[in-house]
Amino acid sequence: ASGPVRDEQFPVLAFGKRDPDIQPGLLIPNPFFISPRWWDQIAASSVQESTLQPWYRRKNKLLFRGACGPGAHARFELLRIRDPHNLLDVGFNKVDGYQSIEECVVDLANKLNRTN
């Protein structure tokens, strides 16, 4: 995550910032590093919840959703793959480090085009 990008009317907390001298928000420790047991409990709960849905009733799809931000290259490249059998459910559901998803996508495309 690149961190907060604009001042808000409420306190903003962040695990990290790309430019801490100019970005708003208060840096806080990542809870995973404070208490790995907390993360273990979340993971165990997710596994337990997943057992309630048998494999034969699940959709045969890859789900890869998340923020459009500086580290979203893999998700962006998956979005560009032709999917004739509708096996991919890939997308951006929020923005991180940019003013809009559109701005992020343009930047990711420009970076990808420079490396190809």
Foldseek 3Di string as FASTA:
>chain_A
DQAADDDDPDAAEDCHHVDVVPHDHDHDHDVCVVDVVVVVVVVVVVVVVVVVQDPVRDDQADEAEEALEPPCLVLLVVVVDDDPPHRYHGDYDYYDPDPGSVVSSVVSVVVVVVVD
